[in-house]
N, C-alpha and C. Protein backbone atom coordinates (compact mmCIF):
# COMPACT_ATOMS: atom_id res chain seq x y z
N MET A 1 -196.42 76.17 38.35
CA MET A 1 -197.67 76.07 38.92
C MET A 1 -198.14 77.05 39.60
N ASN A 2 -199.17 77.42 39.18
CA ASN A 2 -199.66 78.22 40.93
C ASN A 2 -200.00 77.33 42.43
N VAL A 3 -199.64 77.83 43.13
CA VAL A 3 -199.55 77.14 44.43
C VAL A 3 -200.61 76.65 44.13
N ILE A 4 -202.29 77.44 44.56
CA ILE A 4 -203.14 76.60 45.32
C ILE A 4 -203.93 75.84 44.15
N LEU A 5 -203.68 75.68 42.89
CA LEU A 5 -203.73 75.14 41.50
C LEU A 5 -203.10 73.64 42.11
N ALA A 6 -201.91 73.45 42.31
CA ALA A 6 -200.99 72.26 42.35
C ALA A 6 -201.58 71.77 44.03
N LEU A 7 -202.01 72.34 44.56
CA LEU A 7 -202.57 71.53 46.24
C LEU A 7 -204.04 71.07 45.81
N ILE A 8 -204.82 71.84 44.97
CA ILE A 8 -205.98 71.21 44.50
C ILE A 8 -205.53 70.12 43.76
N TYR A 9 -204.68 70.31 42.71
CA TYR A 9 -204.71 68.55 41.81
C TYR A 9 -204.26 67.79 42.77
N GLU A 10 -202.79 67.62 43.36
CA GLU A 10 -202.61 66.91 44.54
C GLU A 10 -203.74 66.30 45.48
N PHE A 11 -203.83 66.99 45.93
CA PHE A 11 -205.33 66.57 46.98
C PHE A 11 -206.31 65.99 46.11
N PHE A 12 -207.16 66.00 45.43
CA PHE A 12 -208.11 65.85 44.56
C PHE A 12 -207.47 64.50 44.00
N LYS A 13 -206.00 64.17 43.38
CA LYS A 13 -205.70 63.16 42.96
C LYS A 13 -205.53 62.10 44.00
N THR A 14 -205.25 62.30 45.11
CA THR A 14 -204.94 61.80 46.48
C THR A 14 -206.03 61.35 46.97
N GLY A 15 -207.29 62.22 47.17
CA GLY A 15 -208.85 61.65 47.37
C GLY A 15 -208.77 60.68 46.13
N LEU A 16 -209.05 60.65 44.63
CA LEU A 16 -209.39 59.68 43.79
C LEU A 16 -208.89 58.64 44.12
N PHE A 17 -207.18 58.74 44.30
CA PHE A 17 -206.40 57.04 44.27
C PHE A 17 -206.05 56.37 45.44
N ALA A 18 -206.53 56.94 46.46
CA ALA A 18 -206.59 56.48 48.00
C ALA A 18 -207.52 55.53 48.73
N VAL A 19 -207.78 54.61 47.66
CA VAL A 19 -208.72 53.62 48.00
C VAL A 19 -208.32 52.89 49.39
N GLY A 20 -209.28 53.32 50.72
CA GLY A 20 -209.13 52.27 51.86
C GLY A 20 -208.93 53.24 53.32
N GLY A 21 -209.03 54.32 52.73
CA GLY A 21 -208.73 55.22 54.41
C GLY A 21 -207.63 55.79 54.25
N GLY A 22 -207.72 56.67 55.27
CA GLY A 22 -206.60 57.81 55.76
C GLY A 22 -205.49 57.17 55.46
N LEU A 23 -204.94 55.74 56.28
CA LEU A 23 -203.54 55.20 56.44
C LEU A 23 -203.26 54.94 54.35
N ALA A 24 -203.88 54.65 53.61
CA ALA A 24 -203.53 54.69 52.29
C ALA A 24 -202.97 56.01 51.01
N THR A 25 -203.48 56.65 52.19
CA THR A 25 -203.16 58.52 51.85
C THR A 25 -201.56 58.76 51.47
N LEU A 26 -201.45 57.88 52.75
CA LEU A 26 -199.54 57.74 53.38
C LEU A 26 -198.67 58.20 51.97
N PRO A 27 -198.57 57.15 51.29
CA PRO A 27 -197.54 57.11 50.21
C PRO A 27 -198.03 58.31 48.98
N PHE A 28 -199.01 59.02 49.03
CA PHE A 28 -199.07 60.18 47.97
C PHE A 28 -198.62 61.19 48.84
N LEU A 29 -198.95 61.20 50.26
CA LEU A 29 -198.27 62.47 51.32
C LEU A 29 -196.94 62.44 51.22
N TYR A 30 -196.28 61.36 51.30
CA TYR A 30 -195.11 61.23 51.14
C TYR A 30 -194.31 61.42 49.90
N ASP A 31 -195.04 61.30 48.42
CA ASP A 31 -194.74 61.60 47.29
C ASP A 31 -194.94 63.03 47.71
N ILE A 32 -195.76 63.69 47.92
CA ILE A 32 -196.13 65.12 48.12
C ILE A 32 -194.82 66.03 48.88
N ALA A 33 -194.42 65.29 49.49
CA ALA A 33 -193.38 65.91 50.54
C ALA A 33 -192.13 66.01 49.85
N ALA A 34 -192.15 64.62 48.77
CA ALA A 34 -190.91 64.73 48.34
C ALA A 34 -190.65 66.22 47.27
N ARG A 35 -191.96 66.15 46.58
CA ARG A 35 -191.68 67.31 45.70
C ARG A 35 -192.13 68.68 46.02
N TYR A 36 -192.97 68.91 46.87
CA TYR A 36 -193.04 70.26 47.46
C TYR A 36 -192.64 70.64 48.81
N ASP A 37 -192.56 72.14 49.00
CA ASP A 37 -192.00 72.81 50.31
C ASP A 37 -192.97 72.35 51.31
N TRP A 38 -194.73 72.30 51.23
CA TRP A 38 -195.94 72.23 51.94
C TRP A 38 -195.54 71.34 53.17
N LEU A 39 -194.63 70.11 52.83
CA LEU A 39 -194.38 69.05 54.02
C LEU A 39 -193.22 68.92 54.15
N ASP A 40 -192.91 68.65 55.29
CA ASP A 40 -191.25 68.61 55.39
C ASP A 40 -191.29 66.59 55.14
N VAL A 41 -190.57 66.00 54.79
CA VAL A 41 -190.58 64.31 55.36
C VAL A 41 -190.33 63.85 56.74
N SER A 42 -189.19 65.10 57.11
CA SER A 42 -188.72 64.56 58.44
C SER A 42 -189.97 64.74 59.83
N ILE A 43 -191.30 65.68 59.20
CA ILE A 43 -191.83 65.26 60.28
C ILE A 43 -193.22 64.66 60.10
N MET A 44 -193.42 64.01 58.70
CA MET A 44 -194.60 62.66 58.95
C MET A 44 -194.70 61.80 59.77
N PRO A 45 -193.67 61.52 60.34
CA PRO A 45 -194.27 60.78 61.51
C PRO A 45 -194.89 61.33 62.73
N ASP A 46 -194.53 62.70 62.71
CA ASP A 46 -195.13 63.37 64.03
C ASP A 46 -196.66 63.19 63.44
N MET A 47 -196.59 64.21 62.28
CA MET A 47 -197.71 64.61 61.87
C MET A 47 -199.11 63.27 61.78
N ILE A 48 -198.60 62.47 61.31
CA ILE A 48 -199.01 60.25 61.32
C ILE A 48 -199.36 60.80 62.89
N ALA A 49 -198.75 60.99 63.94
CA ALA A 49 -198.85 60.68 65.33
C ALA A 49 -200.02 61.68 65.70
N ILE A 50 -199.96 62.71 65.30
CA ILE A 50 -200.79 63.75 65.79
C ILE A 50 -201.98 63.91 64.94
N SER A 51 -202.05 63.01 63.82
CA SER A 51 -203.29 63.45 62.83
C SER A 51 -204.10 62.11 63.78
N GLU A 52 -203.67 61.02 63.97
CA GLU A 52 -204.05 59.32 64.80
C GLU A 52 -204.82 60.08 65.96
N SER A 53 -204.03 60.54 66.52
CA SER A 53 -204.57 61.31 67.86
C SER A 53 -205.45 62.22 68.58
N THR A 54 -206.07 62.98 66.91
CA THR A 54 -207.20 63.77 66.83
C THR A 54 -207.94 63.12 66.32
N PRO A 55 -209.62 63.91 66.76
CA PRO A 55 -210.34 63.82 65.59
C PRO A 55 -210.34 64.03 64.61
N GLY A 56 -210.68 63.01 63.48
CA GLY A 56 -210.81 63.46 62.23
C GLY A 56 -210.08 62.66 61.63
N PRO A 57 -210.33 62.17 60.04
CA PRO A 57 -209.45 61.04 59.24
C PRO A 57 -208.39 61.67 59.59
N ILE A 58 -206.77 60.88 59.38
CA ILE A 58 -205.70 61.10 58.91
C ILE A 58 -205.60 62.21 57.33
N GLY A 59 -206.05 61.86 56.78
CA GLY A 59 -206.14 62.44 54.90
C GLY A 59 -206.31 63.52 55.33
N VAL A 60 -207.69 64.17 55.68
CA VAL A 60 -208.02 65.35 56.27
C VAL A 60 -207.21 66.05 56.82
N ASN A 61 -206.73 65.52 57.82
CA ASN A 61 -205.72 66.51 58.83
C ASN A 61 -204.94 66.80 58.26
N MET A 62 -203.88 65.90 57.47
CA MET A 62 -202.60 66.29 56.69
C MET A 62 -202.84 67.23 55.22
N ALA A 63 -204.16 67.07 55.39
CA ALA A 63 -204.38 67.64 53.88
C ALA A 63 -204.50 69.51 54.30
N THR A 64 -205.03 69.35 54.94
CA THR A 64 -205.34 71.19 56.15
C THR A 64 -204.54 71.55 56.52
N TYR A 65 -203.60 70.24 57.02
CA TYR A 65 -202.12 71.39 57.15
C TYR A 65 -201.42 71.45 56.31
N CYS A 66 -201.19 71.10 55.29
CA CYS A 66 -200.34 71.34 54.05
C CYS A 66 -201.12 71.89 53.66
N GLY A 67 -202.11 72.35 53.70
CA GLY A 67 -202.70 73.44 52.62
C GLY A 67 -202.57 74.92 53.44
N TYR A 68 -202.44 74.49 54.48
CA TYR A 68 -202.53 76.02 55.50
C TYR A 68 -201.18 76.36 55.72
N ASN A 69 -200.05 75.24 55.64
CA ASN A 69 -198.43 75.56 55.46
C ASN A 69 -198.42 76.31 54.54
N ALA A 70 -198.72 75.87 53.34
CA ALA A 70 -198.64 76.62 52.05
C ALA A 70 -199.12 77.51 51.58
N GLY A 71 -200.20 77.93 52.12
CA GLY A 71 -200.92 78.92 52.20
C GLY A 71 -200.44 80.34 52.99
N PHE A 72 -199.70 79.54 54.12
CA PHE A 72 -198.83 80.37 55.35
C PHE A 72 -197.78 81.03 54.40
N LEU A 73 -197.41 80.27 53.82
CA LEU A 73 -195.87 80.63 53.02
C LEU A 73 -195.90 81.36 51.99
N GLN A 74 -197.46 81.55 51.54
CA GLN A 74 -197.45 82.43 50.30
C GLN A 74 -197.69 83.72 51.07
N GLY A 75 -198.65 84.00 51.91
CA GLY A 75 -199.26 85.15 52.20
C GLY A 75 -199.51 85.29 53.59
N GLY A 76 -199.29 84.50 54.60
CA GLY A 76 -199.71 84.73 56.03
C GLY A 76 -201.02 83.64 56.41
N ILE A 77 -201.84 84.13 57.40
CA ILE A 77 -202.50 83.51 57.63
C ILE A 77 -203.71 83.00 57.18
N GLY A 78 -204.04 84.55 56.57
CA GLY A 78 -205.71 84.35 55.70
C GLY A 78 -205.64 83.54 54.66
N PHE A 79 -203.82 83.61 54.23
CA PHE A 79 -203.96 82.47 52.52
C PHE A 79 -203.81 80.88 53.56
N GLY A 80 -203.25 81.00 54.48
CA GLY A 80 -203.17 79.70 54.92
C GLY A 80 -204.45 78.56 55.25
N MET A 81 -205.31 79.35 55.66
CA MET A 81 -206.94 79.20 56.09
C MET A 81 -207.56 79.03 54.59
N LEU A 82 -207.30 79.49 53.86
CA LEU A 82 -208.16 79.32 52.31
C LEU A 82 -207.66 78.17 51.56
N TYR A 83 -206.05 78.21 51.93
CA TYR A 83 -205.57 77.20 51.16
C TYR A 83 -205.59 75.58 51.71
N GLY A 84 -205.80 75.81 52.71
CA GLY A 84 -206.16 74.68 53.50
C GLY A 84 -207.67 74.17 53.72
N LEU A 85 -208.41 75.39 53.35
CA LEU A 85 -209.64 74.73 53.13
C LEU A 85 -209.94 74.13 51.73
N ALA A 86 -208.99 74.99 50.96
CA ALA A 86 -209.14 73.63 49.21
C ALA A 86 -208.65 72.66 49.45
N ALA A 87 -207.25 72.88 50.27
CA ALA A 87 -206.83 71.41 49.97
C ALA A 87 -207.66 70.32 50.33
N THR A 88 -208.14 70.27 51.72
CA THR A 88 -209.48 69.69 52.41
C THR A 88 -210.35 69.20 51.60
N LEU A 89 -210.79 70.25 50.68
CA LEU A 89 -211.71 70.25 50.09
C LEU A 89 -211.80 69.29 48.96
N SER A 90 -210.49 69.28 48.61
CA SER A 90 -209.72 69.03 46.94
C SER A 90 -209.64 67.11 47.63
N LEU A 91 -209.34 67.15 48.52
CA LEU A 91 -209.19 65.36 48.89
C LEU A 91 -210.44 64.75 49.23
N ILE A 92 -211.15 65.32 49.79
CA ILE A 92 -212.95 64.54 50.17
C ILE A 92 -213.89 64.80 48.51
N LEU A 93 -213.70 65.68 47.92
CA LEU A 93 -214.84 66.28 46.68
C LEU A 93 -214.45 64.57 45.77
N PRO A 94 -213.41 63.73 45.47
CA PRO A 94 -213.66 62.62 45.06
C PRO A 94 -214.78 61.07 45.63
N SER A 95 -214.23 61.63 47.14
CA SER A 95 -215.52 60.31 47.55
C SER A 95 -216.96 61.04 47.58
N LEU A 96 -216.95 62.36 47.64
CA LEU A 96 -218.09 62.76 47.69
C LEU A 96 -218.97 62.57 46.38
N ILE A 97 -218.13 63.00 45.24
CA ILE A 97 -218.62 62.57 43.74
C ILE A 97 -218.83 61.31 43.47
N THR A 98 -217.89 60.19 44.06
CA THR A 98 -218.53 58.53 44.03
C THR A 98 -219.04 58.27 44.52
N ILE A 99 -220.28 58.89 46.02
CA ILE A 99 -220.72 58.58 46.81
C ILE A 99 -222.37 59.05 45.94
N ILE A 100 -222.35 60.07 45.58
CA ILE A 100 -223.51 60.41 45.20
C ILE A 100 -223.60 59.97 43.35
N ILE A 101 -222.79 59.19 42.79
CA ILE A 101 -223.45 58.46 41.27
C ILE A 101 -223.47 56.91 42.08
N VAL A 102 -222.65 56.48 42.82
CA VAL A 102 -222.94 55.39 43.31
C VAL A 102 -224.71 55.31 43.69
N ALA A 103 -224.69 56.37 44.44
CA ALA A 103 -226.45 56.30 45.00
C ALA A 103 -227.49 56.38 44.04
N ARG A 104 -226.66 56.79 42.57
CA ARG A 104 -227.84 56.91 42.03
C ARG A 104 -228.23 55.70 40.78
N ILE A 105 -227.05 55.06 40.80
CA ILE A 105 -227.08 54.08 39.64
C ILE A 105 -227.20 52.47 40.84
N LEU A 106 -227.18 52.66 42.34
CA LEU A 106 -226.78 51.50 42.94
C LEU A 106 -227.21 50.31 42.70
N ASP A 107 -228.47 50.48 42.51
CA ASP A 107 -229.86 49.33 41.94
C ASP A 107 -228.73 48.37 40.56
N LYS A 108 -228.44 49.41 39.68
CA LYS A 108 -228.07 48.68 38.35
C LYS A 108 -226.53 47.75 38.69
N PHE A 109 -225.83 48.35 39.77
CA PHE A 109 -224.64 47.15 40.01
C PHE A 109 -224.54 46.98 40.81
N GLN A 110 -225.89 46.39 41.97
CA GLN A 110 -225.62 46.43 43.14
C GLN A 110 -225.17 45.03 42.79
N ASN A 111 -225.34 43.45 42.08
CA ASN A 111 -225.58 42.46 41.81
C ASN A 111 -224.32 42.53 40.71
N SER A 112 -223.49 43.50 40.15
CA SER A 112 -222.79 43.60 39.15
C SER A 112 -221.52 42.40 39.47
N THR A 113 -221.27 41.31 38.34
CA THR A 113 -219.98 41.13 38.90
C THR A 113 -218.91 41.61 38.54
N LEU A 114 -219.12 42.64 37.57
CA LEU A 114 -218.01 43.30 37.30
C LEU A 114 -217.71 44.17 38.32
N VAL A 115 -218.17 44.70 39.01
CA VAL A 115 -218.18 45.56 39.89
C VAL A 115 -217.54 45.30 41.46
N ASP A 116 -218.20 43.76 41.57
CA ASP A 116 -217.42 42.59 42.12
C ASP A 116 -216.15 42.22 42.06
N ASN A 117 -215.68 42.29 41.34
CA ASN A 117 -214.35 41.76 40.46
C ASN A 117 -213.44 43.22 40.84
N ALA A 118 -214.22 44.18 40.41
CA ALA A 118 -213.00 45.37 40.66
C ALA A 118 -212.68 45.50 42.36
N PHE A 119 -213.64 45.42 43.06
CA PHE A 119 -213.49 45.15 44.56
C PHE A 119 -212.10 44.27 45.05
N LYS A 120 -212.45 43.46 44.35
CA LYS A 120 -211.50 42.02 44.60
C LYS A 120 -210.09 42.45 43.89
N GLY A 121 -210.08 42.96 43.05
CA GLY A 121 -208.86 43.63 42.55
C GLY A 121 -208.01 44.78 43.15
N LEU A 122 -209.22 45.59 44.05
CA LEU A 122 -208.49 46.82 44.93
C LEU A 122 -208.08 46.83 45.99
N ARG A 123 -208.92 45.18 46.70
CA ARG A 123 -208.16 44.78 47.77
C ARG A 123 -206.59 44.42 48.36
N PRO A 124 -206.20 44.02 47.56
CA PRO A 124 -204.72 43.55 47.33
C PRO A 124 -204.13 44.81 47.16
N ALA A 125 -204.71 46.09 46.06
CA ALA A 125 -203.88 47.37 46.13
C ALA A 125 -204.30 47.70 46.96
N VAL A 126 -204.88 47.97 47.97
CA VAL A 126 -205.04 48.67 49.11
C VAL A 126 -204.42 48.18 50.40
N CYS A 127 -204.15 47.13 50.66
CA CYS A 127 -203.31 46.21 51.26
C CYS A 127 -201.70 46.45 50.85
N GLY A 128 -201.40 46.91 49.88
CA GLY A 128 -199.92 47.10 50.06
C GLY A 128 -199.73 48.49 50.26
N LEU A 129 -200.72 49.42 49.74
CA LEU A 129 -200.31 50.63 50.06
C LEU A 129 -200.55 50.99 51.53
N ILE A 130 -201.29 50.30 52.27
CA ILE A 130 -200.90 50.65 53.58
C ILE A 130 -199.84 49.86 54.31
N ALA A 131 -199.64 49.01 53.83
CA ALA A 131 -198.11 48.09 54.43
C ALA A 131 -197.28 49.02 53.82
N SER A 132 -197.30 49.48 52.89
CA SER A 132 -196.15 50.59 52.75
C SER A 132 -196.00 51.72 53.26
N ALA A 133 -197.36 52.39 53.78
CA ALA A 133 -197.22 53.47 54.95
C ALA A 133 -196.47 52.75 56.24
N ALA A 134 -196.93 52.04 56.44
CA ALA A 134 -196.81 51.10 58.18
C ALA A 134 -195.67 51.25 57.75
N LEU A 135 -194.69 50.31 56.72
CA LEU A 135 -192.91 50.65 56.64
C LEU A 135 -192.53 51.78 57.09
N THR A 136 -192.87 52.41 56.37
CA THR A 136 -192.07 53.22 56.33
C THR A 136 -192.13 54.43 57.30
N VAL A 137 -193.46 54.27 58.21
CA VAL A 137 -193.57 54.72 59.28
C VAL A 137 -192.92 54.01 60.08
N PHE A 138 -192.78 52.75 59.98
CA PHE A 138 -191.92 51.96 61.43
C PHE A 138 -190.68 52.64 61.41
N ALA A 139 -189.75 52.54 59.74
CA ALA A 139 -188.52 52.80 59.67
C ALA A 139 -188.34 54.18 60.28
N SER A 140 -188.98 55.27 59.96
CA SER A 140 -188.79 56.64 60.18
C SER A 140 -188.67 56.76 61.92
N ALA A 141 -189.32 55.83 62.75
CA ALA A 141 -189.55 55.99 63.72
C ALA A 141 -188.36 55.11 64.66
N CYS A 142 -187.87 53.71 64.11
CA CYS A 142 -187.46 52.91 64.89
C CYS A 142 -185.69 52.64 64.22
N LEU A 143 -185.37 53.45 63.46
CA LEU A 143 -184.35 52.95 62.41
C LEU A 143 -183.42 54.39 62.47
N GLU A 144 -182.30 54.34 62.74
CA GLU A 144 -181.48 55.30 62.79
C GLU A 144 -181.24 56.00 61.75
N VAL A 145 -181.21 54.81 60.27
CA VAL A 145 -180.73 55.57 59.03
C VAL A 145 -181.65 54.85 57.94
N ASP A 146 -181.55 55.60 56.75
CA ASP A 146 -182.27 55.15 55.68
C ASP A 146 -182.18 53.51 55.21
N LEU A 147 -183.24 53.13 55.16
CA LEU A 147 -183.05 51.82 54.73
C LEU A 147 -182.11 50.78 53.55
N PHE A 148 -181.99 52.31 52.38
CA PHE A 148 -181.25 51.74 51.28
C PHE A 148 -179.72 52.75 51.71
N GLU A 149 -179.49 52.69 52.65
CA GLU A 149 -177.99 53.45 52.98
C GLU A 149 -177.42 52.82 54.01
N ILE A 150 -177.46 51.69 54.02
CA ILE A 150 -176.97 51.01 55.48
C ILE A 150 -176.11 50.68 55.42
N SER A 151 -174.93 51.20 56.65
CA SER A 151 -173.77 51.08 56.47
C SER A 151 -173.82 50.44 57.95
N GLY A 152 -172.23 50.29 58.55
CA GLY A 152 -172.09 49.91 60.11
C GLY A 152 -172.33 48.38 60.02
N SER A 153 -172.37 48.57 61.91
CA SER A 153 -173.12 47.22 62.24
C SER A 153 -174.86 47.09 62.34
N PHE A 154 -175.05 45.94 62.64
CA PHE A 154 -176.32 45.96 62.22
C PHE A 154 -177.32 46.40 63.65
N ALA A 155 -176.28 46.66 64.95
CA ALA A 155 -176.94 47.26 66.09
C ALA A 155 -177.18 48.88 65.89
N SER A 156 -176.53 49.30 65.01
CA SER A 156 -176.36 51.25 64.57
C SER A 156 -177.55 51.28 63.74
N LEU A 157 -178.30 50.42 63.27
CA LEU A 157 -178.67 50.62 61.99
C LEU A 157 -180.50 51.25 63.28
N PHE A 158 -180.98 50.48 64.60
CA PHE A 158 -182.15 50.85 65.31
C PHE A 158 -181.93 51.77 66.19
N ASP A 159 -182.69 52.50 66.16
CA ASP A 159 -183.22 53.58 67.51
C ASP A 159 -183.51 52.67 68.79
N ILE A 160 -182.37 52.11 69.42
CA ILE A 160 -183.11 50.78 70.52
C ILE A 160 -184.05 51.80 71.57
N LYS A 161 -184.04 53.01 71.69
CA LYS A 161 -184.70 52.76 72.75
C LYS A 161 -186.31 52.90 71.81
N ALA A 162 -186.79 53.47 71.23
CA ALA A 162 -187.89 53.68 70.10
C ALA A 162 -188.24 52.03 69.88
N LEU A 163 -187.11 50.96 69.63
CA LEU A 163 -187.65 49.85 69.29
C LEU A 163 -188.17 49.25 70.03
N VAL A 164 -187.23 49.16 71.98
CA VAL A 164 -187.77 48.79 72.89
C VAL A 164 -189.16 49.41 73.52
N LEU A 165 -189.33 50.44 73.31
CA LEU A 165 -191.06 51.28 72.93
C LEU A 165 -191.85 50.16 72.38
N PHE A 166 -191.28 50.27 71.20
CA PHE A 166 -192.84 49.74 70.85
C PHE A 166 -192.83 48.13 70.76
N VAL A 167 -191.94 47.33 70.80
CA VAL A 167 -192.24 46.28 71.52
C VAL A 167 -193.06 45.97 72.40
N LEU A 168 -192.25 46.97 73.51
CA LEU A 168 -193.25 46.83 74.43
C LEU A 168 -194.56 47.49 74.78
N LEU A 169 -194.92 48.41 74.06
CA LEU A 169 -196.49 48.76 73.80
C LEU A 169 -197.31 47.69 72.58
N PHE A 170 -196.29 47.37 71.81
CA PHE A 170 -197.13 46.13 70.46
C PHE A 170 -197.62 44.81 71.49
N ALA A 171 -196.40 44.38 72.54
CA ALA A 171 -196.21 43.06 73.71
C ALA A 171 -197.83 43.44 74.68
N VAL A 172 -197.91 44.50 74.98
CA VAL A 172 -199.00 45.32 76.20
C VAL A 172 -200.47 45.55 75.67
N ASN A 173 -200.40 45.66 73.96
CA ASN A 173 -201.58 45.87 73.70
C ASN A 173 -201.72 44.45 73.11
N LYS A 174 -201.24 43.78 72.84
CA LYS A 174 -201.80 42.33 72.55
C LYS A 174 -202.05 41.46 73.07
N LYS A 175 -201.40 41.59 74.28
CA LYS A 175 -201.74 40.74 75.93
C LYS A 175 -203.47 41.34 76.44
N PHE A 176 -203.46 42.62 76.39
CA PHE A 176 -204.42 43.43 77.07
C PHE A 176 -205.88 43.91 76.45
N LYS A 177 -205.50 44.19 74.94
CA LYS A 177 -206.25 45.09 73.82
C LYS A 177 -206.74 45.96 74.57
N LEU A 178 -206.19 46.84 74.65
CA LEU A 178 -206.21 47.94 75.55
C LEU A 178 -206.67 49.45 74.49
N HIS A 179 -207.83 50.18 75.15
CA HIS A 179 -208.04 51.61 74.21
C HIS A 179 -206.58 51.82 73.65
N PRO A 180 -206.84 52.75 72.60
CA PRO A 180 -205.61 53.25 72.02
C PRO A 180 -205.02 54.59 72.46
N VAL A 181 -205.89 55.11 73.60
CA VAL A 181 -205.67 56.25 74.34
C VAL A 181 -204.55 55.94 75.67
N PHE A 182 -204.55 54.74 76.05
CA PHE A 182 -203.91 53.97 76.70
C PHE A 182 -202.38 53.19 76.54
N ILE A 183 -202.60 53.82 75.23
CA ILE A 183 -200.82 53.42 74.38
C ILE A 183 -200.08 54.59 73.87
N ILE A 184 -201.08 55.76 73.54
CA ILE A 184 -200.81 56.85 73.04
C ILE A 184 -200.26 58.23 74.22
N ILE A 185 -201.06 57.74 75.38
CA ILE A 185 -200.31 58.67 76.07
C ILE A 185 -199.55 58.22 77.08
N PRO A 186 -199.04 57.15 77.42
CA PRO A 186 -197.77 56.95 77.83
C PRO A 186 -196.74 56.57 77.18
N ALA A 187 -197.31 56.47 75.97
CA ALA A 187 -195.96 56.82 74.62
C ALA A 187 -195.70 58.30 74.30
N ALA A 188 -196.38 58.71 74.34
CA ALA A 188 -196.07 60.67 74.58
C ALA A 188 -195.14 60.94 75.64
N ILE A 189 -195.68 60.74 76.81
CA ILE A 189 -194.58 60.28 77.58
C ILE A 189 -193.56 59.94 77.84
N VAL A 190 -193.29 59.36 77.73
CA VAL A 190 -191.90 58.54 77.55
C VAL A 190 -191.19 58.79 75.99
N GLY A 191 -191.70 59.66 75.25
CA GLY A 191 -190.71 60.07 73.96
C GLY A 191 -190.49 61.48 74.59
N ILE A 192 -191.55 62.05 75.62
CA ILE A 192 -190.78 63.49 76.10
C ILE A 192 -189.95 63.20 77.02
N ILE A 193 -190.28 61.71 77.99
CA ILE A 193 -188.81 62.08 78.89
C ILE A 193 -187.48 61.55 78.05
N PHE A 194 -187.59 60.98 77.06
CA PHE A 194 -186.59 60.77 76.10
C PHE A 194 -185.61 61.45 75.46
N GLU A 195 -186.25 62.71 75.10
CA GLU A 195 -185.88 63.72 74.30
C GLU A 195 -185.31 65.12 75.51
N MET A 196 -185.32 64.64 76.91
CA MET A 196 -184.83 65.67 78.07
C MET A 196 -183.66 65.78 77.99
C-alpha cells in the first residue's frame, strides 16, 4: 500500500475509534509502531513525555511526528511536512465530521436513551484503553524486561532508579498537588543526570 494512503487510513481509524482523548490513542499508536517503520516502539515513552510536555493533544503530536517521519523516509523534508499534515488531518477529521453531524441533529438526540446508553457503554471501553496505555508506559519506563519474558530474580525486573523516581514524584504530587511543570522539569533533570 502507498505510504501516504496507509498513513491516512491508520490515523483516520485512530481518530475514529480513540474515544476519550489523547491517551486513548496510545494502543492504536503502539499497534502502528508494531506494523510500520514510521514509529519505533522503543521511543514511544519518550514521545509520550514530549507530547505531554508540549502544547497540543498527544494524538495530534504523535500523528504529526509519524507522518513527518514516514514522509522524510520517503523523500526528505518536503515529503515529511506533507505526510505530517496528512496524518494530522486524518486523525482530527473523524472528530470534525462527528461534531458537524451532532450539531445538526443535536435537538433530536439530546434526550435519546439510545445515545445515553451508547455513551454508558463507551465509558468502560475508554477506561480500558487509558488503563492499557498507562500500564504500557509504566512498564516501559520502570521495568527492565518485557512482562511476558520474565526470568531471573524479582528485583531484576525493575529499573530501580526509575521506580524510585516514580514513587517519589507520585508521593510528592499526591501530597502537594503540584502543577505538572513542577513534576516534569525535575524528572527531566534527574533523567539527564542518571544517563550521564
